[in-house]
Amino acid sequence: QVQLVESGGGLVQPGGSLRLSCLLSGFTDSLYIVKGVSWYRQVPGKEREWVAQIWNAGTTAYADDVKGRFTISRDDAKKVVYLEMNSLNSEDTALYSCGALGRWGQGTQVTVSS
């Protein structure tokens, strides 16, 4: 069964860091490497917002408001995609989910608050 499972969310103070993980369970081929894996976030009442993407040999792209603070990476042996988030602020509070090949995980909540 193919599914994406996110983890690593939680409550963090402003200026803090978190690392999210996205396990690509059941993905038996490497098509997700070619097509890419993305992180998105969503706040209640707002549309889902693209955050970052990684594809091919490690090509990455970021939304402007996270560039320089977030880093997306991938461990092909473990089939895990990470999102390292630094210098977090209250506007980063959201449900973060990963997507690949038309599939989505349930998400992991990140709350930035003092």
PDB file of N, CA and C in Angstrom:
ATOM      1  N   GLN A   1       0.839  -1.182   0.000  1.00  0.00           N
ATOM      2  CA  GLN A   1       0.000   0.000   0.000  1.00  0.00           C
ATOM      3  C   GLN A   1       0.882   1.243   0.000  1.00  0.00           C
ATOM      4  N   VAL A   2       0.631   2.112  -0.954  1.00  0.00           N
ATOM      5  CA  VAL A   2       1.427   3.317  -1.085  1.00  0.00           C
ATOM      6  C   VAL A   2       0.843   4.403  -0.196  1.00  0.00           C
ATOM      7  N   GLN A   3       1.669   4.980   0.630  1.00  0.00           N
ATOM      8  CA  GLN A   3       1.211   6.089   1.460  1.00  0.00           C
ATOM      9  C   GLN A   3       2.381   6.948   1.891  1.00  0.00           C
ATOM     10  N   LEU A   4       2.066   8.179   2.228  1.00  0.00           N
ATOM     11  CA  LEU A   4       3.063   9.108   2.734  1.00  0.00           C
ATOM     12  C   LEU A   4       2.734   9.389   4.196  1.00  0.00           C
ATOM     13  N   VAL A   5       3.737   9.317   5.040  1.00  0.00           N
ATOM     14  CA  VAL A   5       3.527   9.480   6.471  1.00  0.00           C
ATOM     15  C   VAL A   5       4.460  10.575   6.982  1.00  0.00           C
ATOM     16  N   GLU A   6       3.856  11.662   7.446  1.00  0.00           N
ATOM     17  CA  GLU A   6       4.641  12.777   7.977  1.00  0.00           C
ATOM     18  C   GLU A   6       4.811  12.642   9.489  1.00  0.00           C
ATOM     19  N   SER A   7       5.908  13.189   9.975  1.00  0.00           N
ATOM     20  CA  SER A   7       6.158  13.236  11.409  1.00  0.00           C
ATOM     21  C   SER A   7       7.111  14.384  11.713  1.00  0.00           C
ATOM     22  N   GLY A   8       7.244  14.679  12.995  1.00  0.00           N
ATOM     23  CA  GLY A   8       8.211  15.689  13.414  1.00  0.00           C
ATOM     24  C   GLY A   8       7.638  17.028  13.810  1.00  0.00           C
ATOM     25  N   GLY A   9       6.350  17.208  13.630  1.00  0.00           N
ATOM     26  CA  GLY A   9       5.740  18.474  14.012  1.00  0.00           C
ATOM     27  C   GLY A   9       5.668  18.626  15.520  1.00  0.00           C
ATOM     28  N   GLY A  10       5.268  19.813  15.944  1.00  0.00           N
ATOM     29  CA  GLY A  10       5.142  20.063  17.372  1.00  0.00           C
ATOM     30  C   GLY A  10       5.073  21.542  17.665  1.00  0.00           C
ATOM     31  N   LEU A  11       5.218  21.860  18.935  1.00  0.00           N
ATOM     32  CA  LEU A  11       5.198  23.243  19.406  1.00  0.00           C
ATOM     33  C   LEU A  11       6.636  23.726  19.570  1.00  0.00           C
ATOM     34  N   VAL A  12       6.929  24.865  19.007  1.00  0.00           N
ATOM     35  CA  VAL A  12       8.277  25.415  19.080  1.00  0.00           C
ATOM     36  C   VAL A  12       8.183  26.920  19.303  1.00  0.00           C
ATOM     37  N   GLN A  13       9.159  27.475  19.996  1.00  0.00           N
ATOM     38  CA  GLN A  13       9.166  28.909  20.242  1.00  0.00           C
ATOM     39  C   GLN A  13       9.654  29.665  19.016  1.00  0.00           C
ATOM     40  N   PRO A  14       9.264  30.916  18.888  1.00  0.00           N
ATOM     41  CA  PRO A  14       9.781  31.728  17.776  1.00  0.00           C
ATOM     42  C   PRO A  14      11.299  31.723  17.769  1.00  0.00           C
ATOM     43  N   GLY A  15      11.856  31.575  16.567  1.00  0.00           N
ATOM     44  CA  GLY A  15      13.296  31.484  16.427  1.00  0.00           C
ATOM     45  C   GLY A  15      13.832  30.072  16.509  1.00  0.00           C
ATOM     46  N   GLY A  16      12.980  29.138  16.875  1.00  0.00           N
ATOM     47  CA  GLY A  16      13.397  27.757  17.017  1.00  0.00           C
ATOM     48  C   GLY A  16      13.426  26.997  15.710  1.00  0.00           C
ATOM     49  N   SER A  17      13.720  25.693  15.828  1.00  0.00           N
ATOM     50  CA  SER A  17      13.868  24.830  14.663  1.00  0.00           C
ATOM     51  C   SER A  17      13.092  23.528  14.843  1.00  0.00           C
ATOM     52  N   LEU A  18      12.710  22.951  13.730  1.00  0.00           N
ATOM     53  CA  LEU A  18      12.095  21.628  13.699  1.00  0.00           C
ATOM     54  C   LEU A  18      12.532  20.932  12.425  1.00  0.00           C
ATOM     55  N   ARG A  19      12.556  19.608  12.464  1.00  0.00           N
ATOM     56  CA  ARG A  19      12.802  18.838  11.259  1.00  0.00           C
ATOM     57  C   ARG A  19      11.625  17.893  11.035  1.00  0.00           C
ATOM     58  N   LEU A  20      10.967  18.077   9.913  1.00  0.00           N
ATOM     59  CA  LEU A  20       9.863  17.214   9.533  1.00  0.00           C
ATOM     60  C   LEU A  20      10.365  16.084   8.650  1.00  0.00           C
ATOM     61  N   SER A  21       9.679  14.937   8.750  1.00  0.00           N
ATOM     62  CA  SER A  21      10.016  13.787   7.920  1.00  0.00           C
ATOM     63  C   SER A  21       8.792  13.335   7.144  1.00  0.00           C
ATOM     64  N   CYS A  22       9.027  12.862   5.939  1.00  0.00           N
ATOM     65  CA  CYS A  22       7.969  12.308   5.096  1.00  0.00           C
ATOM     66  C   CYS A  22       8.436  10.943   4.606  1.00  0.00           C
ATOM     67  N   LEU A  23       7.839   9.902   5.143  1.00  0.00           N
ATOM     68  CA  LEU A  23       8.192   8.537   4.750  1.00  0.00           C
ATOM     69  C   LEU A  23       7.329   8.119   3.568  1.00  0.00           C
ATOM     70  N   LEU A  24       7.968   7.744   2.476  1.00  0.00           N
ATOM     71  CA  LEU A  24       7.249   7.287   1.279  1.00  0.00           C
ATOM     72  C   LEU A  24       7.117   5.772   1.345  1.00  0.00           C
ATOM     73  N   SER A  25       6.110   5.326   2.050  1.00  0.00           N
ATOM     74  CA  SER A  25       5.919   3.909   2.299  1.00  0.00           C
ATOM     75  C   SER A  25       5.263   3.239   1.105  1.00  0.00           C
ATOM     76  N   GLY A  26       5.844   2.135   0.660  1.00  0.00           N
ATOM     77  CA  GLY A  26       5.239   1.383  -0.431  1.00  0.00           C
ATOM     78  C   GLY A  26       5.614   1.866  -1.819  1.00  0.00           C
ATOM     79  N   PHE A  27       6.435   2.897  -1.913  1.00  0.00           N
ATOM     80  CA  PHE A  27       6.866   3.378  -3.223  1.00  0.00           C
ATOM     81  C   PHE A  27       7.960   2.437  -3.714  1.00  0.00           C
ATOM     82  N   THR A  28       7.639   1.620  -4.711  1.00  0.00           N
ATOM     83  CA  THR A  28       8.557   0.570  -5.123  1.00  0.00           C
ATOM     84  C   THR A  28       9.463   0.977  -6.283  1.00  0.00           C
ATOM     85  N   ASP A  29       9.201   2.086  -6.930  1.00  0.00           N
ATOM     86  CA  ASP A  29      10.099   2.526  -7.983  1.00  0.00           C
ATOM     87  C   ASP A  29      10.602   3.924  -7.668  1.00  0.00           C
ATOM     88  N   SER A  30      11.438   4.416  -8.512  1.00  0.00           N
ATOM     89  CA  SER A  30      12.083   5.703  -8.239  1.00  0.00           C
ATOM     90  C   SER A  30      11.416   6.856  -8.977  1.00  0.00           C
ATOM     91  N   LEU A  31      10.206   6.635  -9.455  1.00  0.00           N
ATOM     92  CA  LEU A  31       9.543   7.698 -10.208  1.00  0.00           C
ATOM     93  C   LEU A  31       9.352   8.953  -9.360  1.00  0.00           C
ATOM     94  N   TYR A  32       9.172   8.753  -8.028  1.00  0.00           N
ATOM     95  CA  TYR A  32       8.971   9.915  -7.172  1.00  0.00           C
ATOM     96  C   TYR A  32      10.230  10.787  -7.142  1.00  0.00           C
ATOM     97  N   ILE A  33      11.396  10.159  -7.413  1.00  0.00           N
ATOM     98  CA  ILE A  33      12.639  10.936  -7.446  1.00  0.00           C
ATOM     99  C   ILE A  33      12.633  11.844  -8.665  1.00  0.00           C
ATOM    100  N   VAL A  34      12.198  11.309  -9.792  1.00  0.00           N
ATOM    101  CA  VAL A  34      12.172  12.081 -11.033  1.00  0.00           C
ATOM    102  C   VAL A  34      11.099  13.167 -10.965  1.00  0.00           C
ATOM    103  N   LYS A  35       9.910  12.770 -10.544  1.00  0.00           N
ATOM    104  CA  LYS A  35       8.781  13.702 -10.542  1.00  0.00           C
ATOM    105  C   LYS A  35       8.835  14.679  -9.374  1.00  0.00           C
ATOM    106  N   GLY A  36       9.469  14.267  -8.310  1.00  0.00           N
ATOM    107  CA  GLY A  36       9.633  15.167  -7.182  1.00  0.00           C
ATOM    108  C   GLY A  36       8.694  14.904  -6.036  1.00  0.00           C
ATOM    109  N   VAL A  37       9.116  15.338  -4.875  1.00  0.00           N
ATOM    110  CA  VAL A  37       8.322  15.296  -3.654  1.00  0.00           C
ATOM    111  C   VAL A  37       8.251  16.718  -3.116  1.00  0.00           C
ATOM    112  N   SER A  38       7.063  17.130  -2.717  1.00  0.00           N
ATOM    113  CA  SER A  38       6.873  18.503  -2.250  1.00  0.00           C
ATOM    114  C   SER A  38       6.340  18.538  -0.831  1.00  0.00           C
ATOM    115  N   TRP A  39       6.667  19.607  -0.161  1.00  0.00           N
ATOM    116  CA  TRP A  39       6.048  19.928   1.122  1.00  0.00           C
ATOM    117  C   TRP A  39       5.091  21.101   0.890  1.00  0.00           C
ATOM    118  N   TYR A  40       3.945  20.989   1.540  1.00  0.00           N
ATOM    119  CA  TYR A  40       2.951  22.042   1.502  1.00  0.00           C
ATOM    120  C   TYR A  40       2.546  22.359   2.944  1.00  0.00           C
ATOM    121  N   ARG A  41       1.876  23.486   3.124  1.00  0.00           N
ATOM    122  CA  ARG A  41       1.315  23.797   4.428  1.00  0.00           C
ATOM    123  C   ARG A  41      -0.030  24.485   4.255  1.00  0.00           C
ATOM    124  N   GLN A  42      -0.846  24.326   5.268  1.00  0.00           N
ATOM    125  CA  GLN A  42      -2.180  24.907   5.192  1.00  0.00           C
ATOM    126  C   GLN A  42      -2.628  25.383   6.559  1.00  0.00           C
ATOM    127  N   VAL A  43      -3.220  26.567   6.556  1.00  0.00           N
ATOM    128  CA  VAL A  43      -3.805  27.151   7.750  1.00  0.00           C
ATOM    129  C   VAL A  43      -5.320  27.112   7.577  1.00  0.00           C
ATOM    130  N   PRO A  44      -6.061  26.799   8.614  1.00  0.00           N
ATOM    131  CA  PRO A  44      -7.527  26.758   8.479  1.00  0.00           C
ATOM    132  C   PRO A  44      -8.081  28.029   7.858  1.00  0.00           C
ATOM    133  N   GLY A  45      -8.920  27.850   6.850  1.00  0.00           N
ATOM    134  CA  GLY A  45      -9.522  28.988   6.191  1.00  0.00           C
ATOM    135  C   GLY A  45      -8.732  29.540   5.031  1.00  0.00           C
ATOM    136  N   LYS A  46      -7.550  28.987   4.809  1.00  0.00           N
ATOM    137  CA  LYS A  46      -6.721  29.457   3.701  1.00  0.00           C
ATOM    138  C   LYS A  46      -6.382  28.298   2.775  1.00  0.00           C
ATOM    139  N   GLU A  47      -5.985  28.619   1.560  1.00  0.00           N
ATOM    140  CA  GLU A  47      -5.613  27.590   0.609  1.00  0.00           C
ATOM    141  C   GLU A  47      -4.258  26.975   0.986  1.00  0.00           C
ATOM    142  N   ARG A  48      -4.084  25.752   0.537  1.00  0.00           N
ATOM    143  CA  ARG A  48      -2.805  25.088   0.758  1.00  0.00           C
ATOM    144  C   ARG A  48      -1.705  25.841   0.019  1.00  0.00           C
ATOM    145  N   GLU A  49      -0.570  25.985   0.677  1.00  0.00           N
ATOM    146  CA  GLU A  49       0.542  26.768   0.147  1.00  0.00           C
ATOM    147  C   GLU A  49       1.739  25.857  -0.104  1.00  0.00           C
ATOM    148  N   TRP A  50       2.304  25.940  -1.300  1.00  0.00           N
ATOM    149  CA  TRP A  50       3.494  25.166  -1.605  1.00  0.00           C
ATOM    150  C   TRP A  50       4.678  25.751  -0.849  1.00  0.00           C
ATOM    151  N   VAL A  51       5.523  24.863  -0.301  1.00  0.00           N
ATOM    152  CA  VAL A  51       6.654  25.297   0.514  1.00  0.00           C
ATOM    153  C   VAL A  51       7.979  24.982  -0.167  1.00  0.00           C
ATOM    154  N   ALA A  52       8.155  23.728  -0.582  1.00  0.00           N
ATOM    155  CA  ALA A  52       9.442  23.324  -1.136  1.00  0.00           C
ATOM    156  C   ALA A  52       9.270  22.044  -1.938  1.00  0.00           C
ATOM    157  N   GLN A  53      10.226  21.795  -2.839  1.00  0.00           N
ATOM    158  CA  GLN A  53      10.200  20.589  -3.651  1.00  0.00           C
ATOM    159  C   GLN A  53      11.617  20.110  -3.888  1.00  0.00           C
ATOM    160  N   ILE A  54      11.765  18.792  -4.003  1.00  0.00           N
ATOM    161  CA  ILE A  54      13.054  18.199  -4.351  1.00  0.00           C
ATOM    162  C   ILE A  54      12.814  17.156  -5.435  1.00  0.00           C
ATOM    163  N   TRP A  55      13.681  17.113  -6.431  1.00  0.00           N
ATOM    164  CA  TRP A  55      13.514  16.151  -7.514  1.00  0.00           C
ATOM    165  C   TRP A  55      14.869  15.853  -8.155  1.00  0.00           C
ATOM    166  N   ASN A  56      14.864  14.794  -8.965  1.00  0.00           N
ATOM    167  CA  ASN A  56      16.073  14.303  -9.646  1.00  0.00           C
ATOM    168  C   ASN A  56      17.208  14.089  -8.651  1.00  0.00           C
ATOM    169  N   ALA A  57      18.403  14.517  -8.985  1.00  0.00           N
ATOM    170  CA  ALA A  57      19.576  14.213  -8.171  1.00  0.00           C
ATOM    171  C   ALA A  57      19.698  15.092  -6.934  1.00  0.00           C
ATOM    172  N   GLY A  58      18.685  15.902  -6.707  1.00  0.00           N
ATOM    173  CA  GLY A  58      18.734  16.772  -5.547  1.00  0.00           C
ATOM    174  C   GLY A  58      18.428  18.208  -5.855  1.00  0.00           C
ATOM    175  N   THR A  59      17.851  18.439  -6.994  1.00  0.00           N
ATOM    176  CA  THR A  59      17.419  19.793  -7.341  1.00  0.00           C
ATOM    177  C   THR A  59      16.305  20.223  -6.403  1.00  0.00           C
ATOM    178  N   THR A  60      16.391  21.442  -5.915  1.00  0.00           N
ATOM    179  CA  THR A  60      15.415  21.931  -4.941  1.00  0.00           C
ATOM    180  C   THR A  60      14.860  23.288  -5.353  1.00  0.00           C
ATOM    181  N   ALA A  61      13.694  23.565  -4.828  1.00  0.00           N
ATOM    182  CA  ALA A  61      13.064  24.865  -5.043  1.00  0.00           C
ATOM    183  C   ALA A  61      12.276  25.217  -3.794  1.00  0.00           C
ATOM    184  N   TYR A  62      12.182  26.525  -3.499  1.00  0.00           N
ATOM    185  CA  TYR A  62      11.531  26.974  -2.276  1.00  0.00           C
ATOM    186  C   TYR A  62      10.609  28.159  -2.547  1.00  0.00           C
ATOM    187  N   ALA A  63       9.584  28.245  -1.734  1.00  0.00           N
ATOM    188  CA  ALA A  63       8.758  29.439  -1.741  1.00  0.00           C
ATOM    189  C   ALA A  63       9.584  30.604  -1.200  1.00  0.00           C
ATOM    190  N   ASP A  64       9.285  31.792  -1.658  1.00  0.00           N
ATOM    191  CA  ASP A  64      10.094  32.955  -1.287  1.00  0.00           C
ATOM    192  C   ASP A  64      10.145  33.183   0.224  1.00  0.00           C
ATOM    193  N   ASP A  65       9.045  32.946   0.911  1.00  0.00           N
ATOM    194  CA  ASP A  65       9.024  33.288   2.333  1.00  0.00           C
ATOM    195  C   ASP A  65       9.699  32.248   3.221  1.00  0.00           C
ATOM    196  N   VAL A  66      10.187  31.156   2.654  1.00  0.00           N
ATOM    197  CA  VAL A  66      10.936  30.188   3.455  1.00  0.00           C
ATOM    198  C   VAL A  66      12.369  30.047   2.971  1.00  0.00           C
ATOM    199  N   LYS A  67      12.665  30.650   1.840  1.00  0.00           N
ATOM    200  CA  LYS A  67      13.999  30.544   1.256  1.00  0.00           C
ATOM    201  C   LYS A  67      15.038  31.079   2.236  1.00  0.00           C
ATOM    202  N   GLY A  68      16.079  30.305   2.448  1.00  0.00           N
ATOM    203  CA  GLY A  68      17.119  30.688   3.387  1.00  0.00           C
ATOM    204  C   GLY A  68      16.872  30.209   4.801  1.00  0.00           C
ATOM    205  N   ARG A  69      15.651  29.786   5.099  1.00  0.00           N
ATOM    206  CA  ARG A  69      15.314  29.298   6.436  1.00  0.00           C
ATOM    207  C   ARG A  69      15.011  27.801   6.443  1.00  0.00           C
ATOM    208  N   PHE A  70      14.410  27.314   5.368  1.00  0.00           N
ATOM    209  CA  PHE A  70      14.031  25.909   5.260  1.00  0.00           C
ATOM    210  C   PHE A  70      14.956  25.206   4.275  1.00  0.00           C
ATOM    211  N   THR A  71      15.192  23.931   4.555  1.00  0.00           N
ATOM    212  CA  THR A  71      15.999  23.102   3.659  1.00  0.00           C
ATOM    213  C   THR A  71      15.307  21.766   3.459  1.00  0.00           C
ATOM    214  N   ILE A  72      15.081  21.411   2.207  1.00  0.00           N
ATOM    215  CA  ILE A  72      14.488  20.110   1.876  1.00  0.00           C
ATOM    216  C   ILE A  72      15.601  19.177   1.442  1.00  0.00           C
ATOM    217  N   SER A  73      15.522  17.927   1.895  1.00  0.00           N
ATOM    218  CA  SER A  73      16.528  16.943   1.525  1.00  0.00           C
ATOM    219  C   SER A  73      15.870  15.573   1.427  1.00  0.00           C
ATOM    220  N   ARG A  74      16.609  14.614   0.918  1.00  0.00           N
ATOM    221  CA  ARG A  74      16.019  13.296   0.665  1.00  0.00           C
ATOM    222  C   ARG A  74      17.040  12.207   0.979  1.00  0.00           C
ATOM    223  N   ASP A  75      16.599  11.167   1.625  1.00  0.00           N
ATOM    224  CA  ASP A  75      17.411   9.980   1.877  1.00  0.00           C
ATOM    225  C   ASP A  75      16.805   8.859   1.049  1.00  0.00           C
ATOM    226  N   ASP A  76      17.431   8.565  -0.089  1.00  0.00           N
ATOM    227  CA  ASP A  76      16.854   7.580  -1.002  1.00  0.00           C
ATOM    228  C   ASP A  76      16.857   6.167  -0.421  1.00  0.00           C
ATOM    229  N   ALA A  77      17.833   5.844   0.372  1.00  0.00           N
ATOM    230  CA  ALA A  77      17.894   4.509   0.974  1.00  0.00           C
ATOM    231  C   ALA A  77      16.720   4.288   1.929  1.00  0.00           C
ATOM    232  N   LYS A  78      16.361   5.329   2.667  1.00  0.00           N
ATOM    233  CA  LYS A  78      15.258   5.229   3.631  1.00  0.00           C
ATOM    234  C   LYS A  78      13.922   5.637   3.015  1.00  0.00           C
ATOM    235  N   LYS A  79      13.951   6.217   1.815  1.00  0.00           N
ATOM    236  CA  LYS A  79      12.746   6.752   1.172  1.00  0.00           C
ATOM    237  C   LYS A  79      12.059   7.770   2.081  1.00  0.00           C
ATOM    238  N   VAL A  80      12.842   8.678   2.555  1.00  0.00           N
ATOM    239  CA  VAL A  80      12.357   9.739   3.438  1.00  0.00           C
ATOM    240  C   VAL A  80      12.785  11.087   2.869  1.00  0.00           C
ATOM    241  N   VAL A  81      11.871  12.019   2.899  1.00  0.00           N
ATOM    242  CA  VAL A  81      12.157  13.402   2.527  1.00  0.00           C
ATOM    243  C   VAL A  81      12.012  14.256   3.784  1.00  0.00           C
ATOM    244  N   TYR A  82      13.005  15.080   4.019  1.00  0.00           N
ATOM    245  CA  TYR A  82      13.031  15.912   5.220  1.00  0.00           C
ATOM    246  C   TYR A  82      12.771  17.374   4.881  1.00  0.00           C
ATOM    247  N   LEU A  83      12.262  18.084   5.873  1.00  0.00           N
ATOM    248  CA  LEU A  83      12.156  19.539   5.768  1.00  0.00           C
ATOM    249  C   LEU A  83      12.725  20.108   7.052  1.00  0.00           C
ATOM    250  N   GLU A  84      13.925  20.652   6.949  1.00  0.00           N
ATOM    251  CA  GLU A  84      14.574  21.289   8.085  1.00  0.00           C
ATOM    252  C   GLU A  84      14.117  22.737   8.117  1.00  0.00           C
ATOM    253  N   MET A  85      13.533  23.143   9.246  1.00  0.00           N
ATOM    254  CA  MET A  85      12.969  24.482   9.360  1.00  0.00           C
ATOM    255  C   MET A  85      13.679  25.233  10.479  1.00  0.00           C
ATOM    256  N   ASN A  86      14.262  26.355  10.146  1.00  0.00           N
ATOM    257  CA  ASN A  86      14.981  27.192  11.108  1.00  0.00           C
ATOM    258  C   ASN A  86      14.363  28.585  11.168  1.00  0.00           C
ATOM    259  N   SER A  87      14.725  29.304  12.213  1.00  0.00           N
ATOM    260  CA  SER A  87      14.234  30.682  12.395  1.00  0.00           C
ATOM    261  C   SER A  87      12.719  30.763  12.233  1.00  0.00           C
ATOM    262  N   LEU A  88      12.029  29.858  12.881  1.00  0.00           N
ATOM    263  CA  LEU A  88      10.575  29.787  12.739  1.00  0.00           C
ATOM    264  C   LEU A  88       9.899  30.996  13.384  1.00  0.00           C
ATOM    265  N   ASN A  89       8.811  31.417  12.774  1.00  0.00           N
ATOM    266  CA  ASN A  89       8.005  32.496  13.332  1.00  0.00           C
ATOM    267  C   ASN A  89       6.541  32.086  13.309  1.00  0.00           C
ATOM    268  N   SER A  90       5.705  32.913  13.889  1.00  0.00           N
ATOM    269  CA  SER A  90       4.296  32.550  14.046  1.00  0.00           C
ATOM    270  C   SER A  90       3.602  32.322  12.708  1.00  0.00           C
ATOM    271  N   GLU A  91       4.084  32.953  11.663  1.00  0.00           N
ATOM    272  CA  GLU A  91       3.465  32.769  10.349  1.00  0.00           C
ATOM    273  C   GLU A  91       3.773  31.408   9.739  1.00  0.00           C
ATOM    274  N   ASP A  92       4.673  30.674  10.341  1.00  0.00           N
ATOM    275  CA  ASP A  92       4.976  29.320   9.875  1.00  0.00           C
ATOM    276  C   ASP A  92       4.034  28.294  10.501  1.00  0.00           C
ATOM    277  N   THR A  93       3.209  28.713  11.430  1.00  0.00           N
ATOM    278  CA  THR A  93       2.247  27.803  12.051  1.00  0.00           C
ATOM    279  C   THR A  93       1.263  27.300  11.010  1.00  0.00           C
ATOM    280  N   ALA A  94       1.179  25.979  10.865  1.00  0.00           N
ATOM    281  CA  ALA A  94       0.317  25.382   9.840  1.00  0.00           C
ATOM    282  C   ALA A  94       0.363  23.867   9.963  1.00  0.00           C
ATOM    283  N   LEU A  95      -0.514  23.215   9.219  1.00  0.00           N
ATOM    284  CA  LEU A  95      -0.451  21.770   9.037  1.00  0.00           C
ATOM    285  C   LEU A  95       0.418  21.512   7.818  1.00  0.00           C
ATOM    286  N   TYR A  96       1.526  20.818   8.018  1.00  0.00           N
ATOM    287  CA  TYR A  96       2.471  20.554   6.945  1.00  0.00           C
ATOM    288  C   TYR A  96       2.246  19.135   6.417  1.00  0.00           C
ATOM    289  N   SER A  97       2.148  19.017   5.108  1.00  0.00           N
ATOM    290  CA  SER A  97       1.959  17.717   4.490  1.00  0.00           C
ATOM    291  C   SER A  97       2.881  17.580   3.289  1.00  0.00           C
ATOM    292  N   CYS A  98       3.171  16.334   2.943  1.00  0.00           N
ATOM    293  CA  CYS A  98       4.009  16.080   1.779  1.00  0.00           C
ATOM    294  C   CYS A  98       3.178  15.396   0.705  1.00  0.00           C
ATOM    295  N   GLY A  99       3.604  15.591  -0.534  1.00  0.00           N
ATOM    296  CA  GLY A  99       2.889  15.023  -1.663  1.00  0.00           C
ATOM    297  C   GLY A  99       3.852  14.503  -2.706  1.00  0.00           C
ATOM    298  N   ALA A 100       3.460  13.385  -3.332  1.00  0.00           N
ATOM    299  CA  ALA A 100       4.273  12.808  -4.397  1.00  0.00           C
ATOM    300  C   ALA A 100       3.373  11.964  -5.291  1.00  0.00           C
ATOM    301  N   LEU A 101       3.536  12.145  -6.587  1.00  0.00           N
ATOM    302  CA  LEU A 101       2.802  11.351  -7.579  1.00  0.00           C
ATOM    303  C   LEU A 101       1.306  11.345  -7.310  1.00  0.00           C
ATOM    304  N   GLY A 102       0.776  12.478  -6.947  1.00  0.00           N
ATOM    305  CA  GLY A 102      -0.656  12.605  -6.755  1.00  0.00           C
ATOM    306  C   GLY A 102      -1.172  12.101  -5.426  1.00  0.00           C
ATOM    307  N   ARG A 103      -0.289  11.700  -4.551  1.00  0.00           N
ATOM    308  CA  ARG A 103      -0.694  11.198  -3.240  1.00  0.00           C
ATOM    309  C   ARG A 103      -0.252  12.163  -2.149  1.00  0.00           C
ATOM    310  N   TRP A 104      -1.020  12.151  -1.045  1.00  0.00           N
ATOM    311  CA  TRP A 104      -0.769  13.080   0.048  1.00  0.00           C
ATOM    312  C   TRP A 104      -0.811  12.363   1.374  1.00  0.00           C
ATOM    313  N   GLY A 105      -0.038  12.882   2.304  1.00  0.00           N
ATOM    314  CA  GLY A 105      -0.111  12.364   3.652  1.00  0.00           C
ATOM    315  C   GLY A 105      -1.155  13.106   4.469  1.00  0.00           C
ATOM    316  N   GLN A 106      -1.307  12.696   5.715  1.00  0.00           N
ATOM    317  CA  GLN A 106      -2.284  13.310   6.604  1.00  0.00           C
ATOM    318  C   GLN A 106      -1.791  14.620   7.186  1.00  0.00           C
ATOM    319  N   GLY A 107      -0.501  14.801   7.192  1.00  0.00           N
ATOM    320  CA  GLY A 107       0.062  16.044   7.682  1.00  0.00           C
ATOM    321  C   GLY A 107       0.532  15.957   9.119  1.00  0.00           C
ATOM    322  N   THR A 108       1.383  16.913   9.491  1.00  0.00           N
ATOM    323  CA  THR A 108       1.871  17.038  10.855  1.00  0.00           C
ATOM    324  C   THR A 108       1.793  18.512  11.242  1.00  0.00           C
ATOM    325  N   GLN A 109       1.273  18.775  12.420  1.00  0.00           N
ATOM    326  CA  GLN A 109       1.012  20.147  12.836  1.00  0.00           C
ATOM    327  C   GLN A 109       2.272  20.799  13.388  1.00  0.00           C
ATOM    328  N   VAL A 110       2.544  22.007  12.919  1.00  0.00           N
ATOM    329  CA  VAL A 110       3.638  22.825  13.444  1.00  0.00           C
ATOM    330  C   VAL A 110       3.025  24.087  14.039  1.00  0.00           C
ATOM    331  N   THR A 111       3.313  24.329  15.295  1.00  0.00           N
ATOM    332  CA  THR A 111       2.817  25.520  15.977  1.00  0.00           C
ATOM    333  C   THR A 111       3.995  26.293  16.541  1.00  0.00           C
ATOM    334  N   VAL A 112       4.108  27.540  16.125  1.00  0.00           N
ATOM    335  CA  VAL A 112       5.192  28.401  16.595  1.00  0.00           C
ATOM    336  C   VAL A 112       4.580  29.437  17.529  1.00  0.00           C
ATOM    337  N   SER A 113       4.922  29.324  18.804  1.00  0.00           N
ATOM    338  CA  SER A 113       4.320  30.197  19.797  1.00  0.00           C
ATOM    339  C   SER A 113       5.195  30.260  21.037  1.00  0.00           C
ATOM    340  N   SER A 114       5.171  31.408  21.695  1.00  0.00           N
ATOM    341  CA  SER A 114       5.911  31.536  22.943  1.00  0.00           C
ATOM    342  C   SER A 114       5.012  31.218  24.128  1.00  0.00           C
TER     343      SER A 114
END
